C-alpha atoms as a PDB file:
ATOM      1  CA  UNK A   1     124.191 -32.042 -74.643  1.00  0.00           C
ATOM      2  CA  UNK A   2     124.246 -28.633 -72.755  1.00  0.00           C
ATOM      3  CA  UNK A   3     121.617 -27.872 -70.141  1.00  0.00           C
ATOM      4  CA  UNK A   4     119.473 -24.917 -70.881  1.00  0.00           C
ATOM      5  CA  UNK A   5     121.081 -21.577 -69.335  1.00  0.00           C
ATOM      6  CA  UNK A   6     124.227 -23.247 -68.170  1.00  0.00           C
ATOM      7  CA  UNK A   7     126.187 -21.363 -70.616  1.00  0.00           C
ATOM      8  CA  UNK A   8     125.464 -18.457 -68.808  1.00  0.00           C
ATOM      9  CA  UNK A   9     126.545 -19.368 -65.418  1.00  0.00           C
ATOM     10  CA  UNK A  10     130.431 -19.021 -64.090  1.00  0.00           C
ATOM     11  CA  UNK A  11     129.374 -20.925 -61.183  1.00  0.00           C
ATOM     12  CA  UNK A  12     130.945 -19.712 -57.774  1.00  0.00           C
ATOM     13  CA  UNK A  13     128.101 -20.010 -55.070  1.00  0.00           C
ATOM     14  CA  UNK A  14     125.287 -22.000 -54.433  1.00  0.00           C
ATOM     15  CA  UNK A  15     122.147 -20.378 -52.588  1.00  0.00           C
ATOM     16  CA  UNK A  16     120.473 -23.189 -50.786  1.00  0.00           C
ATOM     17  CA  UNK A  17     116.937 -23.265 -48.962  1.00  0.00           C
ATOM     18  CA  UNK A  18     116.751 -25.302 -45.921  1.00  0.00           C
ATOM     19  CA  UNK A  19     112.915 -26.870 -45.097  1.00  0.00           C
ATOM     20  CA  UNK A  20     112.478 -29.486 -47.492  1.00  0.00           C
ATOM     21  CA  UNK A  21     116.080 -29.430 -48.693  1.00  0.00           C
ATOM     22  CA  UNK A  22     118.513 -29.880 -45.822  1.00  0.00           C
ATOM     23  CA  UNK A  23     115.672 -31.270 -43.543  1.00  0.00           C
ATOM     24  CA  UNK A  24     112.641 -33.443 -44.181  1.00  0.00           C
ATOM     25  CA  UNK A  25     110.721 -30.821 -42.326  1.00  0.00           C
ATOM     26  CA  UNK A  26     107.908 -29.811 -44.229  1.00  0.00           C
ATOM     27  CA  UNK A  27     105.505 -32.215 -42.955  1.00  0.00           C
ATOM     28  CA  UNK A  28     106.266 -30.995 -39.463  1.00  0.00           C
ATOM     29  CA  UNK A  29     105.886 -27.539 -40.549  1.00  0.00           C
ATOM     30  CA  UNK A  30     102.527 -27.970 -42.154  1.00  0.00           C
ATOM     31  CA  UNK A  31     101.032 -29.960 -39.072  1.00  0.00           C
ATOM     32  CA  UNK A  32     102.051 -27.304 -36.921  1.00  0.00           C
ATOM     33  CA  UNK A  33     100.569 -24.299 -39.152  1.00  0.00           C
ATOM     34  CA  UNK A  34      97.468 -26.509 -39.411  1.00  0.00           C
ATOM     35  CA  UNK A  35      96.999 -27.095 -35.740  1.00  0.00           C
ATOM     36  CA  UNK A  36      97.588 -23.229 -34.978  1.00  0.00           C
ATOM     37  CA  UNK A  37      95.232 -22.138 -37.589  1.00  0.00           C
ATOM     38  CA  UNK A  38      92.278 -24.612 -36.745  1.00  0.00           C
ATOM     39  CA  UNK A  39      92.581 -23.930 -32.935  1.00  0.00           C
ATOM     40  CA  UNK A  40      91.686 -20.387 -33.942  1.00  0.00           C
ATOM     41  CA  UNK A  41      88.663 -21.721 -36.042  1.00  0.00           C
ATOM     42  CA  UNK A  42      90.251 -20.595 -39.454  1.00  0.00           C
ATOM     43  CA  UNK A  43      89.306 -22.680 -42.207  1.00  0.00           C
ATOM     44  CA  UNK A  44      92.005 -24.207 -44.016  1.00  0.00           C
ATOM     45  CA  UNK A  45      93.786 -27.555 -45.143  1.00  0.00           C
ATOM     46  CA  UNK A  46      96.932 -28.940 -44.191  1.00  0.00           C
ATOM     47  CA  UNK A  47      98.298 -29.297 -47.987  1.00  0.00           C
ATOM     48  CA  UNK A  48      98.170 -25.396 -48.429  1.00  0.00           C
ATOM     49  CA  UNK A  49     100.846 -24.940 -46.225  1.00  0.00           C
ATOM     50  CA  UNK A  50     103.253 -26.756 -48.446  1.00  0.00           C
ATOM     51  CA  UNK A  51     102.782 -23.860 -51.136  1.00  0.00           C
ATOM     52  CA  UNK A  52     103.414 -21.166 -48.437  1.00  0.00           C
ATOM     53  CA  UNK A  53     106.869 -22.614 -47.814  1.00  0.00           C
ATOM     54  CA  UNK A  54     109.631 -19.930 -47.959  1.00  0.00           C
ATOM     55  CA  UNK A  55     107.370 -16.880 -46.684  1.00  0.00           C
ATOM     56  CA  UNK A  56     107.821 -15.317 -43.340  1.00  0.00           C
ATOM     57  CA  UNK A  57     105.675 -16.443 -40.506  1.00  0.00           C
ATOM     58  CA  UNK A  58     104.138 -13.114 -40.537  1.00  0.00           C
ATOM     59  CA  UNK A  59     103.371 -13.315 -44.197  1.00  0.00           C
ATOM     60  CA  UNK A  60     101.569 -16.745 -44.046  1.00  0.00           C
ATOM     61  CA  UNK A  61      99.553 -15.590 -40.818  1.00  0.00           C
ATOM     62  CA  UNK A  62      98.362 -12.628 -43.127  1.00  0.00           C
ATOM     63  CA  UNK A  63      97.110 -14.949 -45.818  1.00  0.00           C
ATOM     64  CA  UNK A  64      95.351 -16.605 -43.063  1.00  0.00           C
ATOM     65  CA  UNK A  65      93.768 -13.367 -41.566  1.00  0.00           C
ATOM     66  CA  UNK A  66      92.841 -11.848 -44.658  1.00  0.00           C
ATOM     67  CA  UNK A  67      90.917 -14.799 -45.800  1.00  0.00           C
ATOM     68  CA  UNK A  68      89.161 -15.335 -42.339  1.00  0.00           C
ATOM     69  CA  UNK A  69      88.745 -11.899 -41.142  1.00  0.00           C
ATOM     70  CA  UNK A  70      89.267  -9.383 -44.181  1.00  0.00           C
ATOM     71  CA  UNK A  71      92.384  -7.816 -42.494  1.00  0.00           C
ATOM     72  CA  UNK A  72      96.098  -8.736 -41.885  1.00  0.00           C
ATOM     73  CA  UNK A  73      97.253  -9.554 -38.268  1.00  0.00           C
ATOM     74  CA  UNK A  74      98.520  -7.017 -35.911  1.00  0.00           C
ATOM     75  CA  UNK A  75     102.493  -7.225 -35.302  1.00  0.00           C
ATOM     76  CA  UNK A  76     101.639  -8.416 -31.910  1.00  0.00           C
ATOM     77  CA  UNK A  77      99.001 -11.014 -33.118  1.00  0.00           C
ATOM     78  CA  UNK A  78     101.596 -12.149 -35.671  1.00  0.00           C
ATOM     79  CA  UNK A  79     104.324 -12.544 -33.036  1.00  0.00           C
ATOM     80  CA  UNK A  80     102.090 -14.699 -30.594  1.00  0.00           C
ATOM     81  CA  UNK A  81     100.539 -16.873 -33.238  1.00  0.00           C
ATOM     82  CA  UNK A  82     104.067 -17.668 -34.820  1.00  0.00           C
ATOM     83  CA  UNK A  83     105.415 -18.431 -31.395  1.00  0.00           C
ATOM     84  CA  UNK A  84     102.610 -20.814 -31.076  1.00  0.00           C
ATOM     85  CA  UNK A  85     103.106 -22.282 -34.428  1.00  0.00           C
ATOM     86  CA  UNK A  86     106.993 -22.677 -33.484  1.00  0.00           C
ATOM     87  CA  UNK A  87     105.953 -24.547 -30.078  1.00  0.00           C
ATOM     88  CA  UNK A  88     103.800 -26.977 -31.947  1.00  0.00           C
ATOM     89  CA  UNK A  89     106.796 -27.623 -34.418  1.00  0.00           C
ATOM     90  CA  UNK A  90     109.351 -28.143 -31.731  1.00  0.00           C
ATOM     91  CA  UNK A  91     106.952 -30.530 -29.795  1.00  0.00           C
ATOM     92  CA  UNK A  92     106.830 -32.977 -33.045  1.00  0.00           C
ATOM     93  CA  UNK A  93     110.785 -33.746 -32.244  1.00  0.00           C
ATOM     94  CA  UNK A  94     113.716 -32.943 -34.472  1.00  0.00           C
ATOM     95  CA  UNK A  95     113.046 -33.594 -38.169  1.00  0.00           C
ATOM     96  CA  UNK A  96     115.467 -35.883 -39.901  1.00  0.00           C
ATOM     97  CA  UNK A  97     118.285 -34.608 -42.214  1.00  0.00           C
ATOM     98  CA  UNK A  98     117.308 -34.913 -45.849  1.00  0.00           C
ATOM     99  CA  UNK A  99     118.813 -38.232 -47.121  1.00  0.00           C
ATOM    100  CA  UNK A 100     121.772 -37.450 -49.419  1.00  0.00           C
ATOM    101  CA  UNK A 101     121.678 -33.710 -48.607  1.00  0.00           C
ATOM    102  CA  UNK A 102     125.085 -34.019 -46.778  1.00  0.00           C
ATOM    103  CA  UNK A 103     126.549 -35.490 -50.291  1.00  0.00           C
ATOM    104  CA  UNK A 104     125.281 -32.822 -52.066  1.00  0.00           C
ATOM    105  CA  UNK A 105     126.651 -30.253 -49.737  1.00  0.00           C
ATOM    106  CA  UNK A 106     130.069 -31.988 -49.653  1.00  0.00           C
ATOM    107  CA  UNK A 107     130.174 -31.978 -53.556  1.00  0.00           C
ATOM    108  CA  UNK A 108     129.535 -28.418 -53.550  1.00  0.00           C
ATOM    109  CA  UNK A 109     132.294 -28.001 -50.866  1.00  0.00           C
ATOM    110  CA  UNK A 110     134.880 -29.967 -52.617  1.00  0.00           C
ATOM    111  CA  UNK A 111     134.275 -28.529 -55.889  1.00  0.00           C
ATOM    112  CA  UNK A 112     134.974 -24.993 -54.182  1.00  0.00           C
ATOM    113  CA  UNK A 113     131.587 -23.578 -54.619  1.00  0.00           C
ATOM    114  CA  UNK A 114     130.563 -21.221 -51.664  1.00  0.00           C
ATOM    115  CA  UNK A 115     127.325 -22.176 -49.884  1.00  0.00           C
ATOM    116  CA  UNK A 116     125.015 -19.536 -48.471  1.00  0.00           C
ATOM    117  CA  UNK A 117     121.749 -20.769 -46.770  1.00  0.00           C
ATOM    118  CA  UNK A 118     118.672 -18.935 -47.913  1.00  0.00           C
ATOM    119  CA  UNK A 119     115.644 -19.760 -45.898  1.00  0.00           C
ATOM    120  CA  UNK A 120     112.330 -17.874 -45.062  1.00  0.00           C
ATOM    121  CA  UNK A 121     112.331 -19.775 -41.542  1.00  0.00           C
ATOM    122  CA  UNK A 122     112.845 -18.203 -38.135  1.00  0.00           C
ATOM    123  CA  UNK A 123     112.488 -21.531 -36.604  1.00  0.00           C
ATOM    124  CA  UNK A 124     115.558 -21.395 -34.175  1.00  0.00           C
ATOM    125  CA  UNK A 125     115.010 -24.981 -33.151  1.00  0.00           C
ATOM    126  CA  UNK A 126     116.183 -26.181 -36.346  1.00  0.00           C
ATOM    127  CA  UNK A 127     118.565 -23.239 -37.275  1.00  0.00           C
ATOM    128  CA  UNK A 128     120.577 -24.304 -34.317  1.00  0.00           C
ATOM    129  CA  UNK A 129     121.359 -27.459 -35.578  1.00  0.00           C
ATOM    130  CA  UNK A 130     123.062 -26.437 -38.976  1.00  0.00           C
ATOM    131  CA  UNK A 131     126.443 -26.525 -37.514  1.00  0.00           C
ATOM    132  CA  UNK A 132     126.432 -29.830 -35.806  1.00  0.00           C
ATOM    133  CA  UNK A 133     124.259 -31.521 -38.747  1.00  0.00           C
ATOM    134  CA  UNK A 134     126.289 -30.117 -41.371  1.00  0.00           C
ATOM    135  CA  UNK A 135     129.838 -29.183 -39.983  1.00  0.00           C
ATOM    136  CA  UNK A 136     131.805 -26.605 -41.759  1.00  0.00           C
ATOM    137  CA  UNK A 137     129.174 -25.907 -44.558  1.00  0.00           C
ATOM    138  CA  UNK A 138     127.574 -22.686 -43.771  1.00  0.00           C
ATOM    139  CA  UNK A 139     130.342 -20.253 -42.491  1.00  0.00           C
ATOM    140  CA  UNK A 140     129.258 -17.417 -40.038  1.00  0.00           C
ATOM    141  CA  UNK A 141     127.990 -14.478 -42.032  1.00  0.00           C
ATOM    142  CA  UNK A 142     126.792 -16.782 -44.881  1.00  0.00           C
ATOM    143  CA  UNK A 143     123.054 -17.334 -43.797  1.00  0.00           C
ATOM    144  CA  UNK A 144     120.069 -15.354 -44.634  1.00  0.00           C
ATOM    145  CA  UNK A 145     116.942 -16.291 -42.308  1.00  0.00           C
ATOM    146  CA  UNK A 146     113.518 -14.664 -41.583  1.00  0.00           C
ATOM    147  CA  UNK A 147     115.299 -12.594 -39.013  1.00  0.00           C
ATOM    148  CA  UNK A 148     117.309 -10.499 -41.438  1.00  0.00           C
ATOM    149  CA  UNK A 149     114.763 -10.131 -44.414  1.00  0.00           C
ATOM    150  CA  UNK A 150     111.796  -7.491 -44.845  1.00  0.00           C
ATOM    151  CA  UNK A 151     110.088  -9.641 -47.564  1.00  0.00           C
ATOM    152  CA  UNK A 152     109.938 -13.420 -47.774  1.00  0.00           C
ATOM    153  CA  UNK A 153     109.982 -15.540 -50.739  1.00  0.00           C
ATOM    154  CA  UNK A 154     108.477 -15.245 -53.568  1.00  0.00           C
ATOM    155  CA  UNK A 155     110.149 -11.583 -53.353  1.00  0.00           C
ATOM    156  CA  UNK A 156     113.731 -11.910 -54.398  1.00  0.00           C
ATOM    157  CA  UNK A 157     114.903 -10.290 -51.456  1.00  0.00           C
ATOM    158  CA  UNK A 158     116.195 -13.319 -49.848  1.00  0.00           C
ATOM    159  CA  UNK A 159     118.599 -14.400 -52.669  1.00  0.00           C
ATOM    160  CA  UNK A 160     119.590 -11.015 -53.416  1.00  0.00           C
ATOM    161  CA  UNK A 161     120.833 -10.904 -49.615  1.00  0.00           C
ATOM    162  CA  UNK A 162     122.395 -14.426 -50.454  1.00  0.00           C
ATOM    163  CA  UNK A 163     124.321 -13.114 -53.396  1.00  0.00           C
ATOM    164  CA  UNK A 164     125.374 -10.252 -51.610  1.00  0.00           C
ATOM    165  CA  UNK A 165     126.782 -12.252 -48.818  1.00  0.00           C
ATOM    166  CA  UNK A 166     128.469 -14.413 -51.284  1.00  0.00           C
ATOM    167  CA  UNK A 167     130.057 -11.350 -53.032  1.00  0.00           C
ATOM    168  CA  UNK A 168     128.545 -12.856 -56.308  1.00  0.00           C
ATOM    169  CA  UNK A 169     126.501 -11.662 -59.177  1.00  0.00           C
ATOM    170  CA  UNK A 170     123.263 -13.681 -60.196  1.00  0.00           C
ATOM    171  CA  UNK A 171     125.167 -15.071 -63.166  1.00  0.00           C
ATOM    172  CA  UNK A 172     127.798 -16.964 -60.630  1.00  0.00           C
ATOM    173  CA  UNK A 173     125.194 -18.545 -58.623  1.00  0.00           C
ATOM    174  CA  UNK A 174     122.674 -21.126 -58.735  1.00  0.00           C
ATOM    175  CA  UNK A 175     119.739 -21.549 -56.154  1.00  0.00           C
ATOM    176  CA  UNK A 176     118.669 -25.045 -54.821  1.00  0.00           C
ATOM    177  CA  UNK A 177     114.982 -25.231 -53.569  1.00  0.00           C
ATOM    178  CA  UNK A 178     112.127 -27.522 -53.531  1.00  0.00           C
ATOM    179  CA  UNK A 179     108.886 -25.218 -53.355  1.00  0.00           C
ATOM    180  CA  UNK A 180     107.009 -22.900 -55.790  1.00  0.00           C
ATOM    181  CA  UNK A 181     107.508 -19.557 -53.955  1.00  0.00           C
ATOM    182  CA  UNK A 182     111.412 -20.370 -53.532  1.00  0.00           C
ATOM    183  CA  UNK A 183     111.734 -21.074 -57.057  1.00  0.00           C
ATOM    184  CA  UNK A 184     110.039 -17.804 -58.219  1.00  0.00           C
ATOM    185  CA  UNK A 185     112.084 -15.903 -55.783  1.00  0.00           C
ATOM    186  CA  UNK A 186     115.257 -17.474 -57.288  1.00  0.00           C
ATOM    187  CA  UNK A 187     114.125 -16.664 -60.686  1.00  0.00           C
ATOM    188  CA  UNK A 188     113.185 -13.240 -59.852  1.00  0.00           C
ATOM    189  CA  UNK A 189     116.814 -12.612 -58.337  1.00  0.00           C
ATOM    190  CA  UNK A 190     118.016 -13.641 -61.876  1.00  0.00           C
ATOM    191  CA  UNK A 191     119.567 -17.121 -60.690  1.00  0.00           C
ATOM    192  CA  UNK A 192     119.709 -20.463 -62.417  1.00  0.00           C
ATOM    193  CA  UNK A 193     117.198 -22.330 -60.230  1.00  0.00           C
ATOM    194  CA  UNK A 194     117.378 -26.162 -59.408  1.00  0.00           C
ATOM    195  CA  UNK A 195     114.279 -27.462 -57.972  1.00  0.00           C
ATOM    196  CA  UNK A 196     114.129 -30.878 -56.294  1.00  0.00           C
ATOM    197  CA  UNK A 197     110.887 -32.694 -55.470  1.00  0.00           C
ATOM    198  CA  UNK A 198     111.157 -33.845 -51.771  1.00  0.00           C
ATOM    199  CA  UNK A 199     107.581 -33.484 -50.972  1.00  0.00           C
ATOM    200  CA  UNK A 200     103.913 -33.656 -52.222  1.00  0.00           C
ATOM    201  CA  UNK A 201     104.289 -30.711 -54.509  1.00  0.00           C
ATOM    202  CA  UNK A 202     104.087 -32.029 -58.309  1.00  0.00           C
ATOM    203  CA  UNK A 203     107.109 -31.549 -60.596  1.00  0.00           C
ATOM    204  CA  UNK A 204     104.818 -29.464 -62.953  1.00  0.00           C
ATOM    205  CA  UNK A 205     104.173 -26.612 -60.280  1.00  0.00           C
ATOM    206  CA  UNK A 206     107.873 -26.281 -59.962  1.00  0.00           C
ATOM    207  CA  UNK A 207     108.142 -26.026 -63.808  1.00  0.00           C
ATOM    208  CA  UNK A 208     105.672 -23.468 -64.031  1.00  0.00           C
ATOM    209  CA  UNK A 209     107.174 -21.361 -61.258  1.00  0.00           C
ATOM    210  CA  UNK A 210     110.090 -21.240 -63.358  1.00  0.00           C
ATOM    211  CA  UNK A 211     112.611 -24.046 -62.355  1.00  0.00           C
ATOM    212  CA  UNK A 212     115.821 -24.505 -64.926  1.00  0.00           C
ATOM    213  CA  UNK A 213     116.096 -28.158 -63.847  1.00  0.00           C
ATOM    214  CA  UNK A 214     113.842 -30.571 -61.453  1.00  0.00           C
ATOM    215  CA  UNK A 215     115.063 -33.443 -59.868  1.00  0.00           C
ATOM    216  CA  UNK A 216     112.768 -36.122 -58.569  1.00  0.00           C
ATOM    217  CA  UNK A 217     114.721 -36.560 -55.186  1.00  0.00           C
ATOM    218  CA  UNK A 218     117.714 -35.239 -53.339  1.00  0.00           C
ATOM    219  CA  UNK A 219     119.318 -38.628 -54.136  1.00  0.00           C
ATOM    220  CA  UNK A 220     118.897 -37.929 -57.743  1.00  0.00           C
ATOM    221  CA  UNK A 221     120.113 -34.545 -57.654  1.00  0.00           C
ATOM    222  CA  UNK A 222     123.269 -35.445 -55.329  1.00  0.00           C
ATOM    223  CA  UNK A 223     124.236 -38.157 -58.196  1.00  0.00           C
ATOM    224  CA  UNK A 224     123.662 -35.421 -61.042  1.00  0.00           C
ATOM    225  CA  UNK A 225     125.516 -32.606 -59.314  1.00  0.00           C
ATOM    226  CA  UNK A 226     129.109 -33.288 -60.115  1.00  0.00           C
ATOM    227  CA  UNK A 227     127.893 -33.670 -63.701  1.00  0.00           C
ATOM    228  CA  UNK A 228     125.922 -30.421 -63.849  1.00  0.00           C
ATOM    229  CA  UNK A 229     129.135 -28.679 -62.082  1.00  0.00           C
ATOM    230  CA  UNK A 230     131.378 -29.886 -64.971  1.00  0.00           C
ATOM    231  CA  UNK A 231     128.751 -28.514 -67.428  1.00  0.00           C
ATOM    232  CA  UNK A 232     129.017 -25.229 -65.984  1.00  0.00           C
ATOM    233  CA  UNK A 233     132.566 -25.280 -65.949  1.00  0.00           C
ATOM    234  CA  UNK A 234     132.704 -26.520 -69.604  1.00  0.00           C
ATOM    235  CA  UNK A 235     130.728 -23.493 -70.611  1.00  0.00           C
ATOM    236  CA  UNK A 236     132.487 -20.706 -68.605  1.00  0.00           C
END
């Protein structure tokens, strides 16, 4: 049975999110954001930060400022507050690698599919781990981060840049995501988008955001990936 949309993909590259896909790090991010915001006296709940995953730090801070004060943060305020959030994130220790993400990446590599990192994060403490945790997976010049985009997810810019780095069209790429804004960005860029439910965001929210396929865990996705790749290739 053909998976919806598979016959439109000549798969050459995978554009892969980081937090919640490669690392089980979202709980650390949400705790850091919540601590930073509540220390400022901003009313928020920790769970809302799962839904901002994929935005730049400045965009998340602007959501908080606009809600609390009726205006966005200044660039200096955003810089200081994001540095504080980054400190709180680092103080929690290293997030663990997502179980079976290494197996998923090895399948892509062994199938000759280029891997491009596409993350809204600028969290250097975790970006610096990629080469040691996933050696040989993300080559130089194949990484989109908060440092080289103007607009974070759900804007398609990060995935458009990822396609540019891969030298591939949208019809030659898949996106691998875990959060609604990332799914929306992948779809807005024109890519077949896989969502993996690695956190508390319900499957239905990912479907509503436009995911073409939703898997219940990274293990489930890693198990299914060889067959998914074969479906793409059968339909070339």
